[in-house]
């Protein structure tokens, strides 16, 4: 199995999600387009009102989604193929379908995404152990005092954890055992590595918080 971190952003860095109904629609698309069968009805604009996105139709998934996160102007997805060519097929359906919905809803035309979706293969143990945390920590960009988390600077790990618990537009809550959008993802791959994800991510953030103090503690 090959694991990929895929991401794309709005053209000219424009926002892809104007409100929570857009975010819910994209999450719904993550589920609906992950199927060998076409889903043409989901390329048109219509409101998705229920967070329960399961359908009764028998599905044949083309990818496994191991993690995801939506930001204002871009998305992150961690996935692996279940069938040959499944990743390209899924991303094409996802991007085209969401762009058609968005353009119809907001009476615009033209390209919505900046280009082809970027695909980064996870090719080392270190990258594997880091990538799910990286995707889930992206919402810290919205938390004052935590925006430097990428350079391992966080002033208050408890505040960061509270913020992540309140942000529903990622797979973080499902990994923490809080049902959010469980039908979108499979947690088996990382669940076997991170036995207690809340404790794991809490220790990770606490480690970042204490990093500037280590040199003093060792003196």
C-alpha atoms as a PDB file:
ATOM      1  CA  UNK A   1       0.000   0.000   0.000  1.00  0.00           C
ATOM      2  CA  UNK A   2       1.203   3.508  -0.869  1.00  0.00           C
ATOM      3  CA  UNK A   3       0.061   6.416   1.253  1.00  0.00           C
ATOM      4  CA  UNK A   4      -0.294   9.946  -0.151  1.00  0.00           C
ATOM      5  CA  UNK A   5      -0.854  13.391   1.309  1.00  0.00           C
ATOM      6  CA  UNK A   6      -2.850  15.327  -1.283  1.00  0.00           C
ATOM      7  CA  UNK A   7      -3.719  19.011  -1.173  1.00  0.00           C
ATOM      8  CA  UNK A   8      -5.118  21.746  -3.358  1.00  0.00           C
ATOM      9  CA  UNK A   9      -6.074  25.383  -2.854  1.00  0.00           C
ATOM     10  CA  UNK A  10      -8.284  27.967  -4.458  1.00  0.00           C
ATOM     11  CA  UNK A  11      -7.103  29.763  -7.581  1.00  0.00           C
ATOM     12  CA  UNK A  12      -5.207  32.940  -6.630  1.00  0.00           C
ATOM     13  CA  UNK A  13      -5.525  31.629  -3.040  1.00  0.00           C
ATOM     14  CA  UNK A  14      -9.247  32.470  -2.972  1.00  0.00           C
ATOM     15  CA  UNK A  15     -11.460  30.889  -0.325  1.00  0.00           C
ATOM     16  CA  UNK A  16     -13.005  27.558  -1.268  1.00  0.00           C
ATOM     17  CA  UNK A  17     -15.454  27.539   1.619  1.00  0.00           C
ATOM     18  CA  UNK A  18     -17.595  30.589   2.274  1.00  0.00           C
ATOM     19  CA  UNK A  19     -19.604  29.096   5.125  1.00  0.00           C
ATOM     20  CA  UNK A  20     -20.280  25.849   6.971  1.00  0.00           C
ATOM     21  CA  UNK A  21     -22.768  24.676   4.346  1.00  0.00           C
ATOM     22  CA  UNK A  22     -19.905  24.671   1.818  1.00  0.00           C
ATOM     23  CA  UNK A  23     -17.706  22.743   4.227  1.00  0.00           C
ATOM     24  CA  UNK A  24     -20.469  20.229   4.856  1.00  0.00           C
ATOM     25  CA  UNK A  25     -20.965  19.863   1.113  1.00  0.00           C
ATOM     26  CA  UNK A  26     -17.254  19.113   0.581  1.00  0.00           C
ATOM     27  CA  UNK A  27     -17.252  16.518   3.364  1.00  0.00           C
ATOM     28  CA  UNK A  28     -20.354  14.988   1.794  1.00  0.00           C
ATOM     29  CA  UNK A  29     -18.446  14.875  -1.524  1.00  0.00           C
ATOM     30  CA  UNK A  30     -15.555  13.069   0.168  1.00  0.00           C
ATOM     31  CA  UNK A  31     -18.037  10.307   0.872  1.00  0.00           C
ATOM     32  CA  UNK A  32     -20.187  10.332  -2.253  1.00  0.00           C
ATOM     33  CA  UNK A  33     -17.373  10.509  -4.813  1.00  0.00           C
ATOM     34  CA  UNK A  34     -15.416   7.696  -3.162  1.00  0.00           C
ATOM     35  CA  UNK A  35     -17.204   5.087  -5.240  1.00  0.00           C
ATOM     36  CA  UNK A  36     -16.772   3.333  -8.566  1.00  0.00           C
ATOM     37  CA  UNK A  37     -20.266   4.469  -9.541  1.00  0.00           C
ATOM     38  CA  UNK A  38     -20.842   8.016 -10.830  1.00  0.00           C
ATOM     39  CA  UNK A  39     -22.695  10.493  -8.627  1.00  0.00           C
ATOM     40  CA  UNK A  40     -23.896  13.139 -11.109  1.00  0.00           C
ATOM     41  CA  UNK A  41     -26.546  14.496  -8.767  1.00  0.00           C
ATOM     42  CA  UNK A  42     -23.793  15.739  -6.471  1.00  0.00           C
ATOM     43  CA  UNK A  43     -22.221  17.979  -9.089  1.00  0.00           C
ATOM     44  CA  UNK A  44     -25.213  20.319  -8.856  1.00  0.00           C
ATOM     45  CA  UNK A  45     -25.905  22.887  -6.179  1.00  0.00           C
ATOM     46  CA  UNK A  46     -28.222  21.762  -3.417  1.00  0.00           C
ATOM     47  CA  UNK A  47     -28.071  22.200   0.314  1.00  0.00           C
ATOM     48  CA  UNK A  48     -26.762  19.336   2.435  1.00  0.00           C
ATOM     49  CA  UNK A  49     -28.555  19.722   5.735  1.00  0.00           C
ATOM     50  CA  UNK A  50     -27.702  16.576   7.654  1.00  0.00           C
ATOM     51  CA  UNK A  51     -24.301  15.649   9.104  1.00  0.00           C
ATOM     52  CA  UNK A  52     -25.237  11.984   8.651  1.00  0.00           C
ATOM     53  CA  UNK A  53     -23.841  11.474   5.171  1.00  0.00           C
ATOM     54  CA  UNK A  54     -24.309   7.731   4.853  1.00  0.00           C
ATOM     55  CA  UNK A  55     -26.414   6.553   1.950  1.00  0.00           C
ATOM     56  CA  UNK A  56     -28.271   3.270   1.555  1.00  0.00           C
ATOM     57  CA  UNK A  57     -26.636   2.478  -1.786  1.00  0.00           C
ATOM     58  CA  UNK A  58     -24.082  -0.349  -1.776  1.00  0.00           C
ATOM     59  CA  UNK A  59     -20.693   1.252  -2.286  1.00  0.00           C
ATOM     60  CA  UNK A  60     -17.389   0.151  -3.816  1.00  0.00           C
ATOM     61  CA  UNK A  61     -14.736   2.561  -2.568  1.00  0.00           C
ATOM     62  CA  UNK A  62     -11.848   3.521  -4.846  1.00  0.00           C
ATOM     63  CA  UNK A  63      -9.645   4.989  -2.093  1.00  0.00           C
ATOM     64  CA  UNK A  64      -9.242   4.748   1.657  1.00  0.00           C
ATOM     65  CA  UNK A  65      -9.291   8.167   3.336  1.00  0.00           C
ATOM     66  CA  UNK A  66      -7.092   8.006   6.439  1.00  0.00           C
ATOM     67  CA  UNK A  67      -7.312  11.671   7.420  1.00  0.00           C
ATOM     68  CA  UNK A  68      -8.485  15.062   6.174  1.00  0.00           C
ATOM     69  CA  UNK A  69      -8.774  18.731   7.090  1.00  0.00           C
ATOM     70  CA  UNK A  70     -10.518  21.720   5.518  1.00  0.00           C
ATOM     71  CA  UNK A  71      -9.066  25.214   5.791  1.00  0.00           C
ATOM     72  CA  UNK A  72     -10.527  28.396   4.288  1.00  0.00           C
ATOM     73  CA  UNK A  73      -8.716  28.265   0.951  1.00  0.00           C
ATOM     74  CA  UNK A  74      -7.321  24.734   0.771  1.00  0.00           C
ATOM     75  CA  UNK A  75      -7.809  21.134   1.828  1.00  0.00           C
ATOM     76  CA  UNK A  76      -5.618  18.249   2.999  1.00  0.00           C
ATOM     77  CA  UNK A  77      -6.458  14.567   2.480  1.00  0.00           C
ATOM     78  CA  UNK A  78      -4.418  11.512   3.456  1.00  0.00           C
ATOM     79  CA  UNK A  79      -5.339   8.562   1.270  1.00  0.00           C
ATOM     80  CA  UNK A  80      -4.345   5.283  -0.348  1.00  0.00           C
ATOM     81  CA  UNK A  81      -5.727   3.568  -3.446  1.00  0.00           C
ATOM     82  CA  UNK A  82      -8.042   0.575  -3.262  1.00  0.00           C
ATOM     83  CA  UNK A  83      -8.001   0.064  -7.026  1.00  0.00           C
ATOM     84  CA  UNK A  84      -5.567   1.002  -9.782  1.00  0.00           C
ATOM     85  CA  UNK A  85      -6.090   4.608 -10.801  1.00  0.00           C
ATOM     86  CA  UNK A  86      -8.461   5.143  -7.885  1.00  0.00           C
ATOM     87  CA  UNK A  87      -6.667   8.207  -6.523  1.00  0.00           C
ATOM     88  CA  UNK A  88      -6.757  10.106  -9.818  1.00  0.00           C
ATOM     89  CA  UNK A  89     -10.387   9.129 -10.394  1.00  0.00           C
ATOM     90  CA  UNK A  90     -11.417  10.205  -6.904  1.00  0.00           C
ATOM     91  CA  UNK A  91      -9.605  13.558  -7.014  1.00  0.00           C
ATOM     92  CA  UNK A  92     -10.999  14.346 -10.444  1.00  0.00           C
ATOM     93  CA  UNK A  93     -14.554  13.641  -9.301  1.00  0.00           C
ATOM     94  CA  UNK A  94     -14.027  15.564  -6.056  1.00  0.00           C
ATOM     95  CA  UNK A  95     -12.497  18.689  -7.585  1.00  0.00           C
ATOM     96  CA  UNK A  96     -14.781  18.884 -10.614  1.00  0.00           C
ATOM     97  CA  UNK A  97     -17.893  18.077  -8.619  1.00  0.00           C
ATOM     98  CA  UNK A  98     -17.208  20.625  -5.895  1.00  0.00           C
ATOM     99  CA  UNK A  99     -16.200  23.314  -8.420  1.00  0.00           C
ATOM    100  CA  UNK A 100     -19.480  22.817 -10.325  1.00  0.00           C
ATOM    101  CA  UNK A 101     -21.448  23.105  -7.095  1.00  0.00           C
ATOM    102  CA  UNK A 102     -19.504  26.200  -5.955  1.00  0.00           C
ATOM    103  CA  UNK A 103     -19.764  28.008  -9.292  1.00  0.00           C
ATOM    104  CA  UNK A 104     -23.481  27.374  -9.537  1.00  0.00           C
ATOM    105  CA  UNK A 105     -24.145  28.462  -5.948  1.00  0.00           C
ATOM    106  CA  UNK A 106     -22.134  31.679  -6.212  1.00  0.00           C
ATOM    107  CA  UNK A 107     -22.958  32.483  -9.853  1.00  0.00           C
ATOM    108  CA  UNK A 108     -19.348  32.390 -10.991  1.00  0.00           C
ATOM    109  CA  UNK A 109     -17.518  30.660 -13.825  1.00  0.00           C
ATOM    110  CA  UNK A 110     -14.020  29.459 -14.534  1.00  0.00           C
ATOM    111  CA  UNK A 111     -11.416  27.519 -12.604  1.00  0.00           C
ATOM    112  CA  UNK A 112     -11.867  27.182  -8.860  1.00  0.00           C
ATOM    113  CA  UNK A 113      -8.666  25.331  -7.966  1.00  0.00           C
ATOM    114  CA  UNK A 114      -5.195  26.688  -8.660  1.00  0.00           C
ATOM    115  CA  UNK A 115      -4.056  23.661 -10.629  1.00  0.00           C
ATOM    116  CA  UNK A 116      -3.543  19.927 -10.393  1.00  0.00           C
ATOM    117  CA  UNK A 117      -3.823  18.481  -6.920  1.00  0.00           C
ATOM    118  CA  UNK A 118      -0.425  18.108  -5.271  1.00  0.00           C
ATOM    119  CA  UNK A 119       0.380  14.510  -4.287  1.00  0.00           C
ATOM    120  CA  UNK A 120       3.134  13.757  -1.770  1.00  0.00           C
ATOM    121  CA  UNK A 121       4.048  10.113  -1.205  1.00  0.00           C
ATOM    122  CA  UNK A 122       4.705   9.175   2.420  1.00  0.00           C
ATOM    123  CA  UNK A 123       7.995   7.326   1.968  1.00  0.00           C
ATOM    124  CA  UNK A 124       9.597   7.087   5.409  1.00  0.00           C
ATOM    125  CA  UNK A 125       8.657   5.991   8.931  1.00  0.00           C
ATOM    126  CA  UNK A 126       9.342   9.483  10.274  1.00  0.00           C
ATOM    127  CA  UNK A 127       7.025  11.053   7.688  1.00  0.00           C
ATOM    128  CA  UNK A 128       4.355   8.436   8.446  1.00  0.00           C
ATOM    129  CA  UNK A 129       4.445   9.152  12.188  1.00  0.00           C
ATOM    130  CA  UNK A 130       4.221  12.915  11.616  1.00  0.00           C
ATOM    131  CA  UNK A 131       1.755  13.378   8.759  1.00  0.00           C
ATOM    132  CA  UNK A 132      -1.532  12.693  10.570  1.00  0.00           C
ATOM    133  CA  UNK A 133      -0.566  15.162  13.326  1.00  0.00           C
ATOM    134  CA  UNK A 134       0.421  17.737  10.706  1.00  0.00           C
ATOM    135  CA  UNK A 135      -2.951  17.498   8.971  1.00  0.00           C
ATOM    136  CA  UNK A 136      -4.903  17.691  12.215  1.00  0.00           C
ATOM    137  CA  UNK A 137      -2.907  20.649  13.574  1.00  0.00           C
ATOM    138  CA  UNK A 138      -3.614  22.897  10.581  1.00  0.00           C
ATOM    139  CA  UNK A 139      -6.604  24.582  12.317  1.00  0.00           C
ATOM    140  CA  UNK A 140      -4.164  26.055  14.837  1.00  0.00           C
ATOM    141  CA  UNK A 141      -3.520  28.658  12.127  1.00  0.00           C
ATOM    142  CA  UNK A 142      -6.820  30.173  13.326  1.00  0.00           C
ATOM    143  CA  UNK A 143      -5.822  30.291  17.015  1.00  0.00           C
ATOM    144  CA  UNK A 144      -4.048  33.379  18.260  1.00  0.00           C
ATOM    145  CA  UNK A 145      -0.698  32.491  19.780  1.00  0.00           C
ATOM    146  CA  UNK A 146      -0.514  29.077  18.095  1.00  0.00           C
ATOM    147  CA  UNK A 147       0.143  30.048  14.475  1.00  0.00           C
ATOM    148  CA  UNK A 148       3.837  29.124  14.796  1.00  0.00           C
ATOM    149  CA  UNK A 149       3.126  25.452  15.455  1.00  0.00           C
ATOM    150  CA  UNK A 150       4.914  24.488  12.219  1.00  0.00           C
ATOM    151  CA  UNK A 151       8.162  25.861  13.664  1.00  0.00           C
ATOM    152  CA  UNK A 152       7.477  24.005  16.919  1.00  0.00           C
ATOM    153  CA  UNK A 153       6.309  27.027  18.890  1.00  0.00           C
ATOM    154  CA  UNK A 154       3.127  26.813  20.972  1.00  0.00           C
ATOM    155  CA  UNK A 155       2.573  28.910  24.082  1.00  0.00           C
ATOM    156  CA  UNK A 156      -0.361  27.005  25.550  1.00  0.00           C
ATOM    157  CA  UNK A 157      -0.942  23.358  24.674  1.00  0.00           C
ATOM    158  CA  UNK A 158      -4.221  23.175  26.622  1.00  0.00           C
ATOM    159  CA  UNK A 159      -5.650  26.060  24.640  1.00  0.00           C
ATOM    160  CA  UNK A 160      -4.511  24.386  21.419  1.00  0.00           C
ATOM    161  CA  UNK A 161      -6.266  21.140  22.382  1.00  0.00           C
ATOM    162  CA  UNK A 162      -9.481  23.005  23.211  1.00  0.00           C
ATOM    163  CA  UNK A 163      -9.368  24.679  19.818  1.00  0.00           C
ATOM    164  CA  UNK A 164      -8.906  21.354  18.015  1.00  0.00           C
ATOM    165  CA  UNK A 165     -11.815  19.866  19.990  1.00  0.00           C
ATOM    166  CA  UNK A 166     -14.059  22.708  18.798  1.00  0.00           C
ATOM    167  CA  UNK A 167     -13.037  22.476  15.122  1.00  0.00           C
ATOM    168  CA  UNK A 168     -15.224  19.923  13.383  1.00  0.00           C
ATOM    169  CA  UNK A 169     -13.874  20.212   9.822  1.00  0.00           C
ATOM    170  CA  UNK A 170     -11.222  17.512  10.055  1.00  0.00           C
ATOM    171  CA  UNK A 171     -10.894  13.846  10.974  1.00  0.00           C
ATOM    172  CA  UNK A 172      -9.378  14.796  14.365  1.00  0.00           C
ATOM    173  CA  UNK A 173     -12.576  14.296  16.375  1.00  0.00           C
ATOM    174  CA  UNK A 174     -13.235  10.873  14.871  1.00  0.00           C
ATOM    175  CA  UNK A 175      -9.711   9.778  15.807  1.00  0.00           C
ATOM    176  CA  UNK A 176     -10.427  10.998  19.337  1.00  0.00           C
ATOM    177  CA  UNK A 177     -13.500   8.786  19.559  1.00  0.00           C
ATOM    178  CA  UNK A 178     -16.013  11.626  19.106  1.00  0.00           C
ATOM    179  CA  UNK A 179     -18.333  10.767  16.225  1.00  0.00           C
ATOM    180  CA  UNK A 180     -18.176  13.552  13.663  1.00  0.00           C
ATOM    181  CA  UNK A 181     -18.021  12.170  10.114  1.00  0.00           C
ATOM    182  CA  UNK A 182     -17.013   8.542  10.762  1.00  0.00           C
ATOM    183  CA  UNK A 183     -18.345   7.220   7.442  1.00  0.00           C
ATOM    184  CA  UNK A 184     -15.755   9.269   5.520  1.00  0.00           C
ATOM    185  CA  UNK A 185     -12.603   7.724   6.932  1.00  0.00           C
ATOM    186  CA  UNK A 186     -10.943   4.492   7.911  1.00  0.00           C
ATOM    187  CA  UNK A 187      -8.913   4.732  11.124  1.00  0.00           C
ATOM    188  CA  UNK A 188      -7.427   1.219  11.065  1.00  0.00           C
ATOM    189  CA  UNK A 189      -4.002   2.169   9.697  1.00  0.00           C
ATOM    190  CA  UNK A 190      -3.157   4.845  12.265  1.00  0.00           C
ATOM    191  CA  UNK A 191      -5.349   3.447  15.008  1.00  0.00           C
ATOM    192  CA  UNK A 192      -2.963   0.546  15.288  1.00  0.00           C
ATOM    193  CA  UNK A 193      -0.019   2.926  15.768  1.00  0.00           C
ATOM    194  CA  UNK A 194      -1.601   5.589  17.968  1.00  0.00           C
ATOM    195  CA  UNK A 195      -3.547   3.495  20.468  1.00  0.00           C
ATOM    196  CA  UNK A 196      -4.866   6.533  22.337  1.00  0.00           C
ATOM    197  CA  UNK A 197      -4.939   9.458  19.916  1.00  0.00           C
ATOM    198  CA  UNK A 198      -6.070  12.163  22.393  1.00  0.00           C
ATOM    199  CA  UNK A 199      -3.177  11.242  24.667  1.00  0.00           C
ATOM    200  CA  UNK A 200      -0.755  11.064  21.720  1.00  0.00           C
ATOM    201  CA  UNK A 201      -1.646  14.489  20.306  1.00  0.00           C
ATOM    202  CA  UNK A 202      -1.719  15.994  23.808  1.00  0.00           C
ATOM    203  CA  UNK A 203       1.814  14.750  24.499  1.00  0.00           C
ATOM    204  CA  UNK A 204       2.928  16.018  21.082  1.00  0.00           C
ATOM    205  CA  UNK A 205       1.632  19.541  21.775  1.00  0.00           C
ATOM    206  CA  UNK A 206       3.016  19.539  25.323  1.00  0.00           C
ATOM    207  CA  UNK A 207       6.400  18.564  23.915  1.00  0.00           C
ATOM    208  CA  UNK A 208       6.252  21.560  21.543  1.00  0.00           C
ATOM    209  CA  UNK A 209       5.230  23.861  24.408  1.00  0.00           C
ATOM    210  CA  UNK A 210       8.208  22.764  26.516  1.00  0.00           C
ATOM    211  CA  UNK A 211      10.743  22.824  23.665  1.00  0.00           C
ATOM    212  CA  UNK A 212      12.083  26.374  24.405  1.00  0.00           C
ATOM    213  CA  UNK A 213      12.613  25.379  28.055  1.00  0.00           C
ATOM    214  CA  UNK A 214      14.736  22.304  27.426  1.00  0.00           C
ATOM    215  CA  UNK A 215      18.054  24.117  27.252  1.00  0.00           C
ATOM    216  CA  UNK A 216      17.307  25.780  30.599  1.00  0.00           C
ATOM    217  CA  UNK A 217      16.175  22.566  32.222  1.00  0.00           C
ATOM    218  CA  UNK A 218      19.375  20.815  31.190  1.00  0.00           C
ATOM    219  CA  UNK A 219      21.686  23.489  32.579  1.00  0.00           C
END
